[in-house]
Amino acid sequence: MRLGRMLGTGAAAAVAVGAAVLASPAWADSASPEPSASGSAVVTADAGTSFLNAAQLTAGQSVEVGSSTGDYQYWAFTQKAGQQATLHVGVTLADASARHGAQQWRLDLYDGLRRELQCVSGRPEVTAGQNAAEVELSCRLPRVRAYAETWSDDPLPGTYYARLTVAAANEQDLGAAMSSRVTLLESDGDARPVGGAVAPVAMPAAGPSAVAAAASDDALSADRSPWWWTAGAGAAAAAAAVLGYTLTRRRPR
């Protein structure tokens, strides 16, 4: 009987200790960690208003921004050789009842020299109707090259910029509250420029026998050339000598 009471008391103590451990802050942090700043976490931030103060984007991270219709949003991100960036932007528009017409939104991409880049795929320009609640824009950039010719527009490693803006809207809708979510995705691949590989020769190489025959013909032609010139020169000299002798020996009548 006394043994049963002791076992019961020990079990109750173990349960109490376990509950205290689970309730402690250290255990709670390890059991349910906060999402990290990278990966698929969503971060609330402020976008830049120009190239100089563009907000930095991290690959795999979604950034939510509150802004006003008509304001520019600038983002910056770095690309290495072989990487290909894809930007996805979701724009939550102002309430439809407060808008006065359709809106045209545009996503522009630039390299470090402020040169505008063309998307290889995606929807960089979208028109939202009067009753639309949101629009989705996207742009996939060309793959970054390890090197390129100075005259080409191939993207090289460095910093790139994205700009979100409303390209056309009713003047009464400018300044209305809106928000956007920007996500940067990256993929790796071949960093060599297009056409950078050495192309095969247009004509197949000749075999050893053909090369030897060609060399033999060239040598024979080279050997014969001096003899032909010598023979021709000798004949011309003989004819000149005969003509001269005839003229000098002829007497007037």
Protein backbone atom coordinates (compact mmCIF):
# COMPACT_ATOMS: atom_id res chain seq x y z
CA MET A 1 0.00 0.00 0.00
CA ARG A 2 2.77 2.40 0.98
CA LEU A 3 4.61 1.45 -2.26
CA GLY A 4 1.54 2.40 -4.36
CA ARG A 5 1.31 5.81 -2.67
CA MET A 6 5.00 6.45 -3.38
CA LEU A 7 4.59 5.55 -7.07
CA GLY A 8 1.54 7.79 -7.35
CA THR A 9 3.34 10.70 -5.75
CA GLY A 10 6.38 10.24 -8.10
CA ALA A 11 4.18 10.19 -11.21
CA ALA A 12 2.41 13.38 -10.16
CA ALA A 13 5.75 15.10 -9.60
CA ALA A 14 7.00 14.03 -13.05
CA VAL A 15 3.87 15.43 -14.70
CA ALA A 16 4.30 18.74 -12.87
CA VAL A 17 7.95 19.03 -13.90
CA GLY A 18 7.08 18.27 -17.52
CA ALA A 19 4.38 20.93 -17.56
CA ALA A 20 6.79 23.50 -16.13
CA VAL A 21 9.40 22.69 -18.79
CA LEU A 22 6.87 23.00 -21.63
CA ALA A 23 5.70 26.34 -20.25
CA SER A 24 9.21 27.80 -20.03
CA PRO A 25 10.21 30.41 -22.69
CA ALA A 26 13.24 28.43 -23.88
CA TRP A 27 11.14 25.35 -24.65
CA ALA A 28 8.43 27.40 -26.31
CA ASP A 29 10.99 29.09 -28.63
CA SER A 30 12.48 25.78 -29.71
CA ALA A 31 9.12 24.08 -30.18
CA SER A 32 7.59 26.81 -32.39
CA PRO A 33 10.38 28.87 -34.03
CA GLU A 34 9.64 32.13 -35.74
CA PRO A 35 9.92 32.13 -39.56
CA SER A 36 13.34 33.27 -40.73
CA ALA A 37 13.94 36.39 -42.79
CA SER A 38 14.90 34.22 -45.79
CA GLY A 39 12.99 31.55 -47.63
CA SER A 40 9.26 32.05 -48.02
CA ALA A 41 8.84 34.47 -45.11
CA VAL A 42 6.83 37.64 -45.70
CA VAL A 43 8.43 40.88 -44.55
CA THR A 44 6.86 44.30 -44.29
CA ALA A 45 9.17 47.04 -45.52
CA ASP A 46 9.36 50.37 -47.31
CA ALA A 47 10.24 50.60 -50.99
CA GLY A 48 12.71 53.12 -52.34
CA THR A 49 11.61 56.20 -54.25
CA SER A 50 14.58 56.31 -56.70
CA PHE A 51 17.57 54.30 -57.91
CA LEU A 52 19.71 55.78 -55.15
CA ASN A 53 17.61 54.53 -52.23
CA ALA A 54 16.11 51.39 -53.77
CA ALA A 55 15.16 48.78 -51.17
CA GLN A 56 17.13 45.52 -51.26
CA LEU A 57 15.37 42.29 -52.26
CA THR A 58 16.45 38.83 -51.10
CA ALA A 59 15.84 35.74 -53.21
CA GLY A 60 12.94 33.64 -51.99
CA GLN A 61 11.58 36.42 -49.79
CA SER A 62 8.23 38.17 -50.22
CA VAL A 63 8.07 41.83 -49.20
CA GLU A 64 4.82 43.69 -48.53
CA VAL A 65 4.73 47.44 -49.02
CA GLY A 66 2.07 50.02 -48.36
CA SER A 67 2.07 52.99 -50.70
CA SER A 68 -0.09 55.41 -52.68
CA THR A 69 -1.30 55.14 -56.26
CA GLY A 70 1.08 57.08 -58.48
CA ASP A 71 4.17 56.69 -56.27
CA TYR A 72 7.23 54.91 -57.63
CA GLN A 73 8.53 51.80 -55.88
CA TYR A 74 12.19 50.95 -56.49
CA TRP A 75 13.85 47.64 -55.61
CA ALA A 76 17.45 46.45 -55.98
CA PHE A 77 18.85 42.92 -56.13
CA THR A 78 22.17 41.35 -57.08
CA GLN A 79 22.76 38.66 -59.69
CA LYS A 80 25.73 36.35 -60.21
CA ALA A 81 26.93 34.70 -63.39
CA GLY A 82 24.55 31.94 -64.44
CA GLN A 83 21.58 33.20 -62.42
CA GLN A 84 18.22 34.13 -63.91
CA ALA A 85 15.87 36.28 -61.85
CA THR A 86 12.07 36.26 -61.95
CA LEU A 87 10.04 38.95 -60.23
CA HIS A 88 6.41 38.49 -59.18
CA VAL A 89 4.43 41.51 -58.02
CA GLY A 90 0.89 41.48 -56.69
CA VAL A 91 -0.80 44.89 -56.41
CA THR A 92 -3.82 45.32 -54.14
CA LEU A 93 -5.78 48.26 -55.52
CA ALA A 94 -7.82 50.83 -53.69
CA ASP A 95 -11.48 50.00 -53.12
CA ALA A 96 -13.36 49.79 -56.42
CA SER A 97 -16.11 52.08 -55.17
CA ALA A 98 -13.53 54.84 -54.65
CA ARG A 99 -11.86 54.50 -58.07
CA HIS A 100 -12.91 56.41 -61.18
CA GLY A 101 -11.71 54.16 -63.99
CA ALA A 102 -9.27 51.52 -65.16
CA GLN A 103 -5.59 51.59 -64.21
CA GLN A 104 -2.54 50.44 -66.12
CA TRP A 105 0.34 49.11 -64.00
CA ARG A 106 3.88 48.50 -65.23
CA LEU A 107 6.98 46.70 -63.93
CA ASP A 108 10.26 48.00 -65.39
CA LEU A 109 13.65 46.31 -65.01
CA TYR A 110 17.07 48.01 -65.31
CA ASP A 111 20.70 46.94 -65.06
CA GLY A 112 23.43 48.75 -63.11
CA LEU A 113 23.92 51.22 -65.98
CA ARG A 114 20.21 52.18 -65.83
CA ARG A 115 19.57 50.47 -69.17
CA GLU A 116 16.05 49.11 -69.49
CA LEU A 117 15.90 45.34 -69.91
CA GLN A 118 13.37 43.35 -71.87
CA CYS A 119 11.59 40.46 -70.16
CA VAL A 120 12.02 37.07 -71.78
CA SER A 121 8.65 36.04 -70.36
CA GLY A 122 5.96 37.23 -67.96
CA ARG A 123 3.44 40.07 -67.82
CA PRO A 124 5.31 43.29 -67.06
CA GLU A 125 2.31 45.47 -67.98
CA VAL A 126 -1.28 44.82 -66.90
CA THR A 127 -4.49 46.83 -67.07
CA ALA A 128 -6.89 46.60 -64.12
CA GLY A 129 -10.55 47.19 -64.79
CA GLN A 130 -12.82 49.45 -62.76
CA ASN A 131 -13.99 46.60 -60.53
CA ALA A 132 -10.70 44.71 -60.22
CA ALA A 133 -9.43 44.20 -56.69
CA GLU A 134 -5.81 43.36 -57.58
CA VAL A 135 -3.42 42.78 -60.48
CA GLU A 136 -0.49 40.38 -60.94
CA LEU A 137 2.68 41.38 -62.78
CA SER A 138 5.80 39.35 -63.52
CA CYS A 139 9.04 39.56 -65.44
CA ARG A 140 11.74 37.00 -66.12
CA LEU A 141 15.11 38.50 -66.99
CA PRO A 142 17.67 37.02 -69.39
CA ARG A 143 20.26 34.78 -67.77
CA VAL A 144 23.29 36.67 -66.43
CA ARG A 145 26.42 36.01 -68.48
CA ALA A 146 29.97 35.62 -67.23
CA TYR A 147 31.26 37.87 -70.03
CA ALA A 148 29.89 39.65 -73.10
CA GLU A 149 30.95 41.84 -75.99
CA THR A 150 30.95 45.59 -75.34
CA TRP A 151 28.35 46.17 -78.06
CA SER A 152 25.89 43.60 -76.74
CA ASP A 153 23.09 44.04 -74.21
CA ASP A 154 23.73 40.74 -72.43
CA PRO A 155 23.24 41.11 -68.66
CA LEU A 156 26.41 40.81 -66.59
CA PRO A 157 26.92 40.14 -62.85
CA GLY A 158 26.03 43.07 -60.63
CA THR A 159 23.07 45.03 -59.26
CA TYR A 160 19.70 45.18 -60.98
CA TYR A 161 16.70 47.40 -60.31
CA ALA A 162 12.94 46.95 -60.52
CA ARG A 163 10.43 49.79 -60.62
CA LEU A 164 6.70 49.46 -60.04
CA THR A 165 4.38 52.27 -61.04
CA VAL A 166 0.92 53.03 -62.37
CA ALA A 167 1.44 54.08 -65.99
CA ALA A 168 -2.10 55.34 -66.59
CA ALA A 169 -4.92 56.17 -64.17
CA ASN A 170 -7.64 58.70 -63.59
CA GLU A 171 -6.19 61.81 -62.00
CA GLN A 172 -8.73 61.58 -59.16
CA ASP A 173 -7.37 58.13 -58.24
CA LEU A 174 -3.79 59.32 -57.73
CA GLY A 175 -2.84 59.27 -54.08
CA ALA A 176 -5.32 56.54 -53.11
CA ALA A 177 -3.95 53.93 -50.73
CA MET A 178 -2.67 50.66 -52.25
CA SER A 179 -0.26 47.89 -51.34
CA SER A 180 2.02 45.49 -53.16
CA ARG A 181 3.80 42.21 -52.52
CA VAL A 182 7.13 41.64 -54.32
CA THR A 183 8.81 38.23 -54.59
CA LEU A 184 12.23 37.53 -56.13
CA LEU A 185 13.00 34.04 -57.43
CA GLU A 186 16.33 32.83 -58.85
CA SER A 187 17.54 29.87 -60.87
CA ASP A 188 21.08 28.82 -61.80
CA GLY A 189 22.31 27.72 -65.20
CA ASP A 190 24.91 28.15 -67.93
CA ALA A 191 26.75 31.48 -67.69
CA ARG A 192 28.36 31.30 -71.12
CA PRO A 193 27.13 33.86 -73.67
CA VAL A 194 24.97 32.77 -76.55
CA GLY A 195 27.25 31.71 -79.40
CA GLY A 196 30.25 31.57 -77.09
CA ALA A 197 31.08 27.95 -77.95
CA VAL A 198 33.57 27.26 -80.75
CA ALA A 199 31.66 26.21 -83.86
CA PRO A 200 32.79 23.23 -85.98
CA VAL A 201 34.76 24.00 -89.15
CA ALA A 202 32.70 24.40 -92.30
CA MET A 203 34.81 21.93 -94.37
CA PRO A 204 36.02 18.57 -93.06
CA ALA A 205 39.74 18.11 -92.68
CA ALA A 206 41.48 16.28 -95.54
CA GLY A 207 43.04 12.90 -94.92
CA PRO A 208 46.81 12.25 -94.86
CA SER A 209 46.87 11.02 -98.49
CA ALA A 210 45.12 14.16 -99.78
CA VAL A 211 47.47 16.39 -97.82
CA ALA A 212 50.52 14.53 -99.15
CA ALA A 213 49.27 14.74 -102.75
CA ALA A 214 48.64 18.46 -102.46
CA ALA A 215 52.10 19.01 -101.02
CA SER A 216 53.66 16.96 -103.86
CA ASP A 217 51.85 18.97 -106.55
CA ASP A 218 52.91 22.24 -104.96
CA ALA A 219 56.52 21.11 -104.83
CA LEU A 220 56.49 19.96 -108.46
CA SER A 221 54.99 23.24 -109.63
CA ALA A 222 57.58 25.14 -107.66
CA ASP A 223 60.39 23.05 -109.24
CA ARG A 224 59.13 23.53 -112.80
CA SER A 225 58.59 27.26 -112.61
CA PRO A 226 62.33 28.30 -112.85
CA TRP A 227 62.93 26.02 -115.92
CA TRP A 228 60.05 27.51 -117.84
CA TRP A 229 61.23 31.04 -117.13
CA THR A 230 64.81 30.19 -118.10
CA ALA A 231 63.79 28.57 -121.39
CA GLY A 232 61.57 31.50 -122.34
CA ALA A 233 64.26 34.04 -121.56
CA GLY A 234 66.84 32.12 -123.63
CA ALA A 235 64.58 31.98 -126.67
CA ALA A 236 63.90 35.71 -126.48
CA ALA A 237 67.63 36.47 -126.23
CA ALA A 238 68.44 34.31 -129.28
CA ALA A 239 65.79 36.00 -131.40
CA ALA A 240 67.12 39.43 -130.43
CA ALA A 241 70.67 38.43 -131.36
CA VAL A 242 69.66 37.20 -134.84
CA LEU A 243 67.67 40.35 -135.51
CA GLY A 244 70.57 42.55 -134.47
CA TYR A 245 73.07 40.66 -136.64
CA THR A 246 70.78 40.94 -139.66
CA LEU A 247 70.40 44.70 -139.26
CA THR A 248 74.10 45.35 -138.86
CA ARG A 249 75.15 43.21 -141.85
CA ARG A 250 72.64 44.74 -144.28
CA ARG A 251 74.31 47.24 -146.66
CA PRO A 252 72.58 49.98 -148.56
CA ARG A 253 72.40 49.56 -152.35
